[in-house]
PDB file of N, CA and C in Angstrom:
ATOM      1  N   MET A   1       9.654  45.298 -23.373  1.00  0.00           N
ATOM      2  CA  MET A   1      10.601  44.188 -23.545  1.00  0.00           C
ATOM      3  C   MET A   1      12.078  44.286 -23.866  1.00  0.00           C
ATOM      4  N   THR A   2      11.980  44.453 -25.321  1.00  0.00           N
ATOM      5  CA  THR A   2      13.377  44.681 -26.029  1.00  0.00           C
ATOM      6  C   THR A   2      13.622  46.140 -26.089  1.00  0.00           C
ATOM      7  N   GLU A   3      14.785  46.643 -25.800  1.00  0.00           N
ATOM      8  CA  GLU A   3      15.154  48.155 -25.844  1.00  0.00           C
ATOM      9  C   GLU A   3      15.863  48.342 -27.083  1.00  0.00           C
ATOM     10  N   PRO A   4      16.042  49.448 -27.629  1.00  0.00           N
ATOM     11  CA  PRO A   4      16.677  49.859 -28.817  1.00  0.00           C
ATOM     12  C   PRO A   4      18.117  49.282 -28.664  1.00  0.00           C
ATOM     13  N   VAL A   5      18.631  48.889 -29.815  1.00  0.00           N
ATOM     14  CA  VAL A   5      19.905  48.333 -30.022  1.00  0.00           C
ATOM     15  C   VAL A   5      21.111  49.489 -30.132  1.00  0.00           C
ATOM     16  N   THR A   6      21.949  49.662 -29.146  1.00  0.00           N
ATOM     17  CA  THR A   6      23.161  50.263 -29.341  1.00  0.00           C
ATOM     18  C   THR A   6      24.267  49.578 -30.012  1.00  0.00           C
ATOM     19  N   LYS A   7      24.608  49.757 -31.077  1.00  0.00           N
ATOM     20  CA  LYS A   7      25.615  49.273 -31.905  1.00  0.00           C
ATOM     21  C   LYS A   7      26.930  49.323 -31.365  1.00  0.00           C
ATOM     22  N   SER A   8      27.398  48.273 -30.836  1.00  0.00           N
ATOM     23  CA  SER A   8      28.846  48.531 -30.212  1.00  0.00           C
ATOM     24  C   SER A   8      29.611  47.289 -30.439  1.00  0.00           C
ATOM     25  N   ALA A   9      29.166  46.207 -31.012  1.00  0.00           N
ATOM     26  CA  ALA A   9      29.898  45.055 -31.152  1.00  0.00           C
ATOM     27  C   ALA A   9      29.274  44.466 -32.510  1.00  0.00           C
ATOM     28  N   ARG A  10      30.135  43.501 -33.211  1.00  0.00           N
ATOM     29  CA  ARG A  10      29.797  43.052 -34.347  1.00  0.00           C
ATOM     30  C   ARG A  10      29.653  41.543 -34.517  1.00  0.00           C
ATOM     31  N   LEU A  11      28.587  40.968 -35.022  1.00  0.00           N
ATOM     32  CA  LEU A  11      28.333  39.450 -34.815  1.00  0.00           C
ATOM     33  C   LEU A  11      28.308  38.853 -36.565  1.00  0.00           C
ATOM     34  N   GLU A  12      29.133  37.904 -36.795  1.00  0.00           N
ATOM     35  CA  GLU A  12      28.857  37.622 -38.114  1.00  0.00           C
ATOM     36  C   GLU A  12      28.716  36.159 -38.108  1.00  0.00           C
ATOM     37  N   ALA A  13      27.986  35.673 -39.204  1.00  0.00           N
ATOM     38  CA  ALA A  13      27.585  34.263 -39.057  1.00  0.00           C
ATOM     39  C   ALA A  13      27.571  33.985 -40.665  1.00  0.00           C
ATOM     40  N   ARG A  14      27.883  32.786 -40.942  1.00  0.00           N
ATOM     41  CA  ARG A  14      27.804  32.250 -42.543  1.00  0.00           C
ATOM     42  C   ARG A  14      26.532  31.397 -42.489  1.00  0.00           C
ATOM     43  N   ILE A  15      25.714  31.725 -43.385  1.00  0.00           N
ATOM     44  CA  ILE A  15      24.452  30.869 -43.486  1.00  0.00           C
ATOM     45  C   ILE A  15      24.109  30.439 -44.908  1.00  0.00           C
ATOM     46  N   THR A  16      23.259  29.508 -45.025  1.00  0.00           N
ATOM     47  CA  THR A  16      23.158  29.056 -46.447  1.00  0.00           C
ATOM     48  C   THR A  16      22.195  29.974 -47.054  1.00  0.00           C
ATOM     49  N   PRO A  17      22.198  30.067 -48.480  1.00  0.00           N
ATOM     50  CA  PRO A  17      21.187  30.889 -49.196  1.00  0.00           C
ATOM     51  C   PRO A  17      19.842  30.725 -48.716  1.00  0.00           C
ATOM     52  N   ASP A  18      19.428  29.543 -48.577  1.00  0.00           N
ATOM     53  CA  ASP A  18      18.030  29.262 -48.157  1.00  0.00           C
ATOM     54  C   ASP A  18      17.646  29.815 -46.916  1.00  0.00           C
ATOM     55  N   LEU A  19      18.474  29.777 -45.982  1.00  0.00           N
ATOM     56  CA  LEU A  19      18.208  30.498 -44.637  1.00  0.00           C
ATOM     57  C   LEU A  19      18.052  32.054 -44.736  1.00  0.00           C
ATOM     58  N   GLN A  20      19.065  32.499 -45.627  1.00  0.00           N
ATOM     59  CA  GLN A  20      19.124  33.918 -45.919  1.00  0.00           C
ATOM     60  C   GLN A  20      17.795  34.389 -46.589  1.00  0.00           C
ATOM     61  N   ALA A  21      17.182  33.617 -47.515  1.00  0.00           N
ATOM     62  CA  ALA A  21      16.063  33.830 -48.115  1.00  0.00           C
ATOM     63  C   ALA A  21      14.664  33.709 -47.000  1.00  0.00           C
ATOM     64  N   LEU A  22      14.940  32.786 -46.208  1.00  0.00           N
ATOM     65  CA  LEU A  22      13.947  32.738 -45.299  1.00  0.00           C
ATOM     66  C   LEU A  22      13.909  33.631 -44.318  1.00  0.00           C
ATOM     67  N   LEU A  23      15.006  34.197 -43.843  1.00  0.00           N
ATOM     68  CA  LEU A  23      15.026  35.369 -43.031  1.00  0.00           C
ATOM     69  C   LEU A  23      14.767  36.683 -43.605  1.00  0.00           C
ATOM     70  N   LYS A  24      15.161  36.842 -44.845  1.00  0.00           N
ATOM     71  CA  LYS A  24      14.488  38.015 -45.656  1.00  0.00           C
ATOM     72  C   LYS A  24      13.057  38.081 -45.757  1.00  0.00           C
ATOM     73  N   ARG A  25      12.415  36.759 -46.099  1.00  0.00           N
ATOM     74  CA  ARG A  25      11.083  36.810 -46.224  1.00  0.00           C
ATOM     75  C   ARG A  25      10.345  37.242 -44.790  1.00  0.00           C
ATOM     76  N   ALA A  26      10.863  36.676 -43.737  1.00  0.00           N
ATOM     77  CA  ALA A  26      10.144  36.892 -42.386  1.00  0.00           C
ATOM     78  C   ALA A  26      10.407  38.483 -42.089  1.00  0.00           C
ATOM     79  N   ALA A  27      11.552  38.943 -42.490  1.00  0.00           N
ATOM     80  CA  ALA A  27      11.805  40.410 -42.069  1.00  0.00           C
ATOM     81  C   ALA A  27      10.751  41.301 -42.846  1.00  0.00           C
ATOM     82  N   GLU A  28      10.822  40.908 -44.086  1.00  0.00           N
ATOM     83  CA  GLU A  28       9.779  41.618 -44.859  1.00  0.00           C
ATOM     84  C   GLU A  28       8.342  41.684 -44.455  1.00  0.00           C
ATOM     85  N   LEU A  29       7.987  40.461 -43.884  1.00  0.00           N
ATOM     86  CA  LEU A  29       6.552  40.304 -43.457  1.00  0.00           C
ATOM     87  C   LEU A  29       6.335  41.104 -42.229  1.00  0.00           C
ATOM     88  N   GLU A  30       7.465  41.442 -41.513  1.00  0.00           N
ATOM     89  CA  GLU A  30       7.338  42.415 -40.309  1.00  0.00           C
ATOM     90  C   GLU A  30       7.831  43.780 -40.703  1.00  0.00           C
ATOM     91  N   GLY A  31       8.089  44.141 -41.809  1.00  0.00           N
ATOM     92  CA  GLY A  31       8.331  45.494 -42.264  1.00  0.00           C
ATOM     93  C   GLY A  31       9.715  45.932 -41.665  1.00  0.00           C
ATOM     94  N   ARG A  32      10.650  44.982 -41.553  1.00  0.00           N
ATOM     95  CA  ARG A  32      11.864  45.416 -40.867  1.00  0.00           C
ATOM     96  C   ARG A  32      13.113  45.025 -41.843  1.00  0.00           C
ATOM     97  N   SER A  33      13.956  45.207 -41.404  1.00  0.00           N
ATOM     98  CA  SER A  33      15.520  44.963 -42.051  1.00  0.00           C
ATOM     99  C   SER A  33      15.818  43.570 -41.606  1.00  0.00           C
ATOM    100  N   VAL A  34      16.586  42.802 -42.439  1.00  0.00           N
ATOM    101  CA  VAL A  34      16.945  41.529 -41.876  1.00  0.00           C
ATOM    102  C   VAL A  34      17.903  41.682 -40.673  1.00  0.00           C
ATOM    103  N   THR A  35      18.768  42.491 -40.727  1.00  0.00           N
ATOM    104  CA  THR A  35      19.546  42.709 -39.458  1.00  0.00           C
ATOM    105  C   THR A  35      18.622  42.983 -38.233  1.00  0.00           C
ATOM    106  N   ASP A  36      17.738  43.740 -38.308  1.00  0.00           N
ATOM    107  CA  ASP A  36      16.907  44.147 -37.298  1.00  0.00           C
ATOM    108  C   ASP A  36      16.132  42.804 -36.753  1.00  0.00           C
ATOM    109  N   PHE A  37      15.517  42.069 -37.600  1.00  0.00           N
ATOM    110  CA  PHE A  37      15.033  41.179 -37.439  1.00  0.00           C
ATOM    111  C   PHE A  37      15.767  40.077 -36.737  1.00  0.00           C
ATOM    112  N   VAL A  38      16.909  39.731 -37.362  1.00  0.00           N
ATOM    113  CA  VAL A  38      17.706  38.660 -36.810  1.00  0.00           C
ATOM    114  C   VAL A  38      18.357  38.933 -35.322  1.00  0.00           C
ATOM    115  N   ILE A  39      18.485  40.378 -35.018  1.00  0.00           N
ATOM    116  CA  ILE A  39      18.842  40.688 -33.745  1.00  0.00           C
ATOM    117  C   ILE A  39      17.689  40.488 -32.752  1.00  0.00           C
ATOM    118  N   THR A  40      16.633  41.023 -33.102  1.00  0.00           N
ATOM    119  CA  THR A  40      15.475  40.978 -32.250  1.00  0.00           C
ATOM    120  C   THR A  40      15.290  39.506 -31.954  1.00  0.00           C
ATOM    121  N   ALA A  41      15.124  38.520 -33.061  1.00  0.00           N
ATOM    122  CA  ALA A  41      14.940  37.239 -32.800  1.00  0.00           C
ATOM    123  C   ALA A  41      16.038  36.435 -31.988  1.00  0.00           C
ATOM    124  N   ALA A  42      17.299  36.940 -32.157  1.00  0.00           N
ATOM    125  CA  ALA A  42      18.383  36.122 -31.272  1.00  0.00           C
ATOM    126  C   ALA A  42      18.185  36.719 -29.897  1.00  0.00           C
ATOM    127  N   GLN A  43      17.719  37.994 -29.739  1.00  0.00           N
ATOM    128  CA  GLN A  43      17.746  38.620 -28.418  1.00  0.00           C
ATOM    129  C   GLN A  43      16.487  37.894 -27.456  1.00  0.00           C
ATOM    130  N   GLU A  44      15.235  37.739 -28.379  1.00  0.00           N
ATOM    131  CA  GLU A  44      14.303  36.989 -27.767  1.00  0.00           C
ATOM    132  C   GLU A  44      14.492  35.567 -27.356  1.00  0.00           C
ATOM    133  N   ALA A  45      15.309  35.037 -28.349  1.00  0.00           N
ATOM    134  CA  ALA A  45      15.463  33.483 -27.943  1.00  0.00           C
ATOM    135  C   ALA A  45      16.379  33.429 -26.839  1.00  0.00           C
ATOM    136  N   ALA A  46      17.522  34.544 -26.671  1.00  0.00           N
ATOM    137  CA  ALA A  46      18.425  34.196 -25.677  1.00  0.00           C
ATOM    138  C   ALA A  46      17.786  34.624 -24.299  1.00  0.00           C
ATOM    139  N   GLU A  47      16.845  35.403 -24.230  1.00  0.00           N
ATOM    140  CA  GLU A  47      16.144  35.879 -23.038  1.00  0.00           C
ATOM    141  C   GLU A  47      15.252  34.647 -22.469  1.00  0.00           C
ATOM    142  N   ARG A  48      14.643  33.958 -23.559  1.00  0.00           N
ATOM    143  CA  ARG A  48      13.632  33.017 -23.252  1.00  0.00           C
ATOM    144  C   ARG A  48      14.288  31.742 -22.736  1.00  0.00           C
ATOM    145  N   ARG A  49      15.545  31.519 -23.433  1.00  0.00           N
ATOM    146  CA  ARG A  49      16.406  30.313 -22.978  1.00  0.00           C
ATOM    147  C   ARG A  49      16.987  30.814 -21.499  1.00  0.00           C
ATOM    148  N   ILE A  50      17.359  31.833 -21.260  1.00  0.00           N
ATOM    149  CA  ILE A  50      17.683  32.127 -19.872  1.00  0.00           C
ATOM    150  C   ILE A  50      16.925  32.149 -18.788  1.00  0.00           C
ATOM    151  N   ARG A  51      15.530  32.544 -19.303  1.00  0.00           N
ATOM    152  CA  ARG A  51      14.352  32.603 -18.153  1.00  0.00           C
ATOM    153  C   ARG A  51      13.975  31.255 -18.096  1.00  0.00           C
ATOM    154  N   ASP A  52      14.043  30.256 -19.063  1.00  0.00           N
ATOM    155  CA  ASP A  52      13.505  28.751 -18.929  1.00  0.00           C
ATOM    156  C   ASP A  52      14.318  28.115 -18.156  1.00  0.00           C
ATOM    157  N   SER A  53      15.856  28.489 -18.157  1.00  0.00           N
ATOM    158  CA  SER A  53      16.719  27.837 -17.420  1.00  0.00           C
ATOM    159  C   SER A  53      16.577  28.079 -16.047  1.00  0.00           C
ATOM    160  N   GLN A  54      15.836  28.871 -15.543  1.00  0.00           N
ATOM    161  CA  GLN A  54      15.567  29.328 -14.287  1.00  0.00           C
ATOM    162  C   GLN A  54      14.564  28.787 -13.406  1.00  0.00           C
ATOM    163  N   ILE A  55      13.841  28.203 -14.331  1.00  0.00           N
ATOM    164  CA  ILE A  55      12.401  27.668 -13.919  1.00  0.00           C
ATOM    165  C   ILE A  55      12.472  25.866 -14.122  1.00  0.00           C
ATOM    166  N   ILE A  56      12.065  25.644 -12.626  1.00  0.00           N
ATOM    167  CA  ILE A  56      11.808  23.955 -12.560  1.00  0.00           C
ATOM    168  C   ILE A  56      10.474  23.594 -12.892  1.00  0.00           C
ATOM    169  N   ARG A  57      10.413  22.667 -13.818  1.00  0.00           N
ATOM    170  CA  ARG A  57       9.217  22.153 -14.196  1.00  0.00           C
ATOM    171  C   ARG A  57       8.991  20.869 -13.764  1.00  0.00           C
ATOM    172  N   LEU A  58       7.755  20.479 -12.966  1.00  0.00           N
ATOM    173  CA  LEU A  58       7.609  19.256 -12.426  1.00  0.00           C
ATOM    174  C   LEU A  58       6.351  18.507 -13.040  1.00  0.00           C
ATOM    175  N   SER A  59       6.431  17.325 -13.072  1.00  0.00           N
ATOM    176  CA  SER A  59       5.095  16.607 -13.552  1.00  0.00           C
ATOM    177  C   SER A  59       3.986  16.924 -12.390  1.00  0.00           C
ATOM    178  N   LEU A  60       2.804  16.743 -12.614  1.00  0.00           N
ATOM    179  CA  LEU A  60       1.839  16.834 -11.665  1.00  0.00           C
ATOM    180  C   LEU A  60       2.124  15.800 -10.473  1.00  0.00           C
ATOM    181  N   ASP A  61       2.690  14.665 -10.765  1.00  0.00           N
ATOM    182  CA  ASP A  61       2.982  13.580  -9.630  1.00  0.00           C
ATOM    183  C   ASP A  61       4.186  14.186  -8.714  1.00  0.00           C
ATOM    184  N   ASP A  62       5.146  14.702  -9.320  1.00  0.00           N
ATOM    185  CA  ASP A  62       6.360  15.256  -8.739  1.00  0.00           C
ATOM    186  C   ASP A  62       5.868  16.421  -7.945  1.00  0.00           C
ATOM    187  N   GLN A  63       4.938  17.353  -8.451  1.00  0.00           N
ATOM    188  CA  GLN A  63       4.493  18.555  -7.743  1.00  0.00           C
ATOM    189  C   GLN A  63       3.666  17.949  -6.391  1.00  0.00           C
ATOM    190  N   ARG A  64       2.879  17.039  -6.484  1.00  0.00           N
ATOM    191  CA  ARG A  64       2.432  16.446  -5.401  1.00  0.00           C
ATOM    192  C   ARG A  64       3.505  15.896  -4.325  1.00  0.00           C
ATOM    193  N   ALA A  65       4.464  15.170  -4.970  1.00  0.00           N
ATOM    194  CA  ALA A  65       5.157  14.666  -3.971  1.00  0.00           C
ATOM    195  C   ALA A  65       6.053  15.811  -3.256  1.00  0.00           C
ATOM    196  N   PHE A  66       6.378  16.827  -3.928  1.00  0.00           N
ATOM    197  CA  PHE A  66       7.344  17.935  -3.387  1.00  0.00           C
ATOM    198  C   PHE A  66       6.384  18.751  -2.375  1.00  0.00           C
ATOM    199  N   VAL A  67       5.050  18.896  -2.509  1.00  0.00           N
ATOM    200  CA  VAL A  67       4.230  19.567  -1.707  1.00  0.00           C
ATOM    201  C   VAL A  67       3.927  18.517  -0.360  1.00  0.00           C
ATOM    202  N   GLU A  68       4.021  17.460  -0.511  1.00  0.00           N
ATOM    203  CA  GLU A  68       3.693  16.387   0.426  1.00  0.00           C
ATOM    204  C   GLU A  68       4.907  16.378   1.367  1.00  0.00           C
ATOM    205  N   SER A  69       6.102  16.526   0.705  1.00  0.00           N
ATOM    206  CA  SER A  69       7.389  16.532   1.496  1.00  0.00           C
ATOM    207  C   SER A  69       7.473  17.774   2.399  1.00  0.00           C
ATOM    208  N   LEU A  70       6.807  18.886   1.808  1.00  0.00           N
ATOM    209  CA  LEU A  70       7.066  20.150   2.454  1.00  0.00           C
ATOM    210  C   LEU A  70       5.971  20.259   3.778  1.00  0.00           C
ATOM    211  N   LEU A  71       4.682  19.696   3.485  1.00  0.00           N
ATOM    212  CA  LEU A  71       3.897  19.542   4.555  1.00  0.00           C
ATOM    213  C   LEU A  71       3.927  18.626   5.582  1.00  0.00           C
ATOM    214  N   ASN A  72       4.489  17.271   5.200  1.00  0.00           N
ATOM    215  CA  ASN A  72       4.801  16.367   6.208  1.00  0.00           C
ATOM    216  C   ASN A  72       6.243  15.842   5.765  1.00  0.00           C
ATOM    217  N   PRO A  73       7.298  16.472   6.406  1.00  0.00           N
ATOM    218  CA  PRO A  73       8.490  16.104   6.199  1.00  0.00           C
ATOM    219  C   PRO A  73       8.867  14.698   7.043  1.00  0.00           C
ATOM    220  N   PRO A  74       9.962  14.050   6.330  1.00  0.00           N
ATOM    221  CA  PRO A  74      10.257  12.984   7.286  1.00  0.00           C
ATOM    222  C   PRO A  74      11.034  13.196   8.407  1.00  0.00           C
ATOM    223  N   GLU A  75      11.057  12.332   9.380  1.00  0.00           N
ATOM    224  CA  GLU A  75      11.832  12.464  10.583  1.00  0.00           C
ATOM    225  C   GLU A  75      13.332  12.534  10.256  1.00  0.00           C
ATOM    226  N   PRO A  76      13.892  13.407  10.882  1.00  0.00           N
ATOM    227  CA  PRO A  76      15.553  13.457  10.625  1.00  0.00           C
ATOM    228  C   PRO A  76      16.217  12.058  11.082  1.00  0.00           C
ATOM    229  N   THR A  77      17.049  11.862  10.051  1.00  0.00           N
ATOM    230  CA  THR A  77      17.849  10.656  10.391  1.00  0.00           C
ATOM    231  C   THR A  77      19.002  10.853  11.381  1.00  0.00           C
ATOM    232  N   PRO A  78      19.464   9.920  11.909  1.00  0.00           N
ATOM    233  CA  PRO A  78      20.663   9.974  12.839  1.00  0.00           C
ATOM    234  C   PRO A  78      21.633  10.941  12.306  1.00  0.00           C
ATOM    235  N   SER A  79      22.109  10.713  11.202  1.00  0.00           N
ATOM    236  CA  SER A  79      23.264  11.520  10.643  1.00  0.00           C
ATOM    237  C   SER A  79      22.763  12.851  10.491  1.00  0.00           C
ATOM    238  N   LEU A  80      21.597  13.060  10.219  1.00  0.00           N
ATOM    239  CA  LEU A  80      21.087  14.539  10.176  1.00  0.00           C
ATOM    240  C   LEU A  80      20.906  15.173  11.571  1.00  0.00           C
ATOM    241  N   ARG A  81      20.653  14.557  12.478  1.00  0.00           N
ATOM    242  CA  ARG A  81      20.589  15.067  13.852  1.00  0.00           C
ATOM    243  C   ARG A  81      21.867  15.186  14.305  1.00  0.00           C
ATOM    244  N   ARG A  82      22.961  14.398  14.190  1.00  0.00           N
ATOM    245  CA  ARG A  82      24.398  14.823  14.480  1.00  0.00           C
ATOM    246  C   ARG A  82      24.923  15.948  13.834  1.00  0.00           C
ATOM    247  N   ALA A  83      24.583  16.275  12.410  1.00  0.00           N
ATOM    248  CA  ALA A  83      24.818  17.516  11.663  1.00  0.00           C
ATOM    249  C   ALA A  83      24.135  18.588  12.141  1.00  0.00           C
ATOM    250  N   PHE A  84      22.964  18.577  12.755  1.00  0.00           N
ATOM    251  CA  PHE A  84      22.203  19.687  13.256  1.00  0.00           C
ATOM    252  C   PHE A  84      23.207  19.967  14.795  1.00  0.00           C
ATOM    253  N   ARG A  85      23.416  18.993  15.513  1.00  0.00           N
ATOM    254  CA  ARG A  85      24.058  19.272  16.725  1.00  0.00           C
ATOM    255  C   ARG A  85      25.542  19.920  16.567  1.00  0.00           C
ATOM    256  N   ARG A  86      25.963  19.301  15.683  1.00  0.00           N
ATOM    257  CA  ARG A  86      27.520  19.644  15.307  1.00  0.00           C
ATOM    258  C   ARG A  86      27.290  21.370  14.885  1.00  0.00           C
ATOM    259  N   HIS A  87      26.487  21.724  13.990  1.00  0.00           N
ATOM    260  CA  HIS A  87      26.145  22.854  13.577  1.00  0.00           C
ATOM    261  C   HIS A  87      26.065  23.931  14.563  1.00  0.00           C
ATOM    262  N   ARG A  88      25.114  23.404  15.508  1.00  0.00           N
ATOM    263  CA  ARG A  88      24.726  24.212  16.831  1.00  0.00           C
ATOM    264  C   ARG A  88      25.994  24.532  17.701  1.00  0.00           C
ATOM    265  N   GLU A  89      26.775  23.398  17.810  1.00  0.00           N
ATOM    266  CA  GLU A  89      28.078  23.521  18.573  1.00  0.00           C
ATOM    267  C   GLU A  89      28.985  24.704  17.776  1.00  0.00           C
ATOM    268  N   LEU A  90      29.162  24.577  16.702  1.00  0.00           N
ATOM    269  CA  LEU A  90      29.946  25.496  15.870  1.00  0.00           C
ATOM    270  C   LEU A  90      29.430  26.770  15.943  1.00  0.00           C
ATOM    271  N   ILE A  91      28.481  27.211  16.008  1.00  0.00           N
ATOM    272  CA  ILE A  91      27.782  28.471  16.081  1.00  0.00           C
ATOM    273  C   ILE A  91      27.953  28.925  17.455  1.00  0.00           C
ATOM    274  N   GLU A  92      27.884  28.140  18.441  1.00  0.00           N
ATOM    275  CA  GLU A  92      28.123  28.485  19.754  1.00  0.00           C
ATOM    276  C   GLU A  92      29.333  28.887  20.007  1.00  0.00           C
ATOM    277  N   GLU A  93      30.287  28.057  19.475  1.00  0.00           N
ATOM    278  CA  GLU A  93      31.650  28.387  19.725  1.00  0.00           C
ATOM    279  C   GLU A  93      32.077  29.443  19.091  1.00  0.00           C
ATOM    280  N   SER A  94      31.622  30.075  18.118  1.00  0.00           N
ATOM    281  CA  SER A  94      32.098  31.226  17.382  1.00  0.00           C
ATOM    282  C   SER A  94      31.432  32.476  17.932  1.00  0.00           C
ATOM    283  N   GLN A  95      30.505  32.415  19.002  1.00  0.00           N
ATOM    284  CA  GLN A  95      30.027  33.480  19.672  1.00  0.00           C
ATOM    285  C   GLN A  95      30.752  33.937  20.806  1.00  0.00           C
TER     286      GLN A  95
END
């Protein structure tokens, strides 16, 4: 999952003494330095956030509606038919 950190950039943050104590206690519980704990936690949070932004979550009703529209798509509207026809013409013209 996480790879060893290569130190090449510096990140600074001002935090409250309470947060510093909290981070220190959490790091101690894991037997790690505060720096290692914070870096690992930040990396995991960033990876999770990016991963979650790439997933679409649908309610059960929305899932059913999505599948239904795939299995039984509506008939194309007149404007969609015109767009298909125009697309076909453009492709034929370019060949």
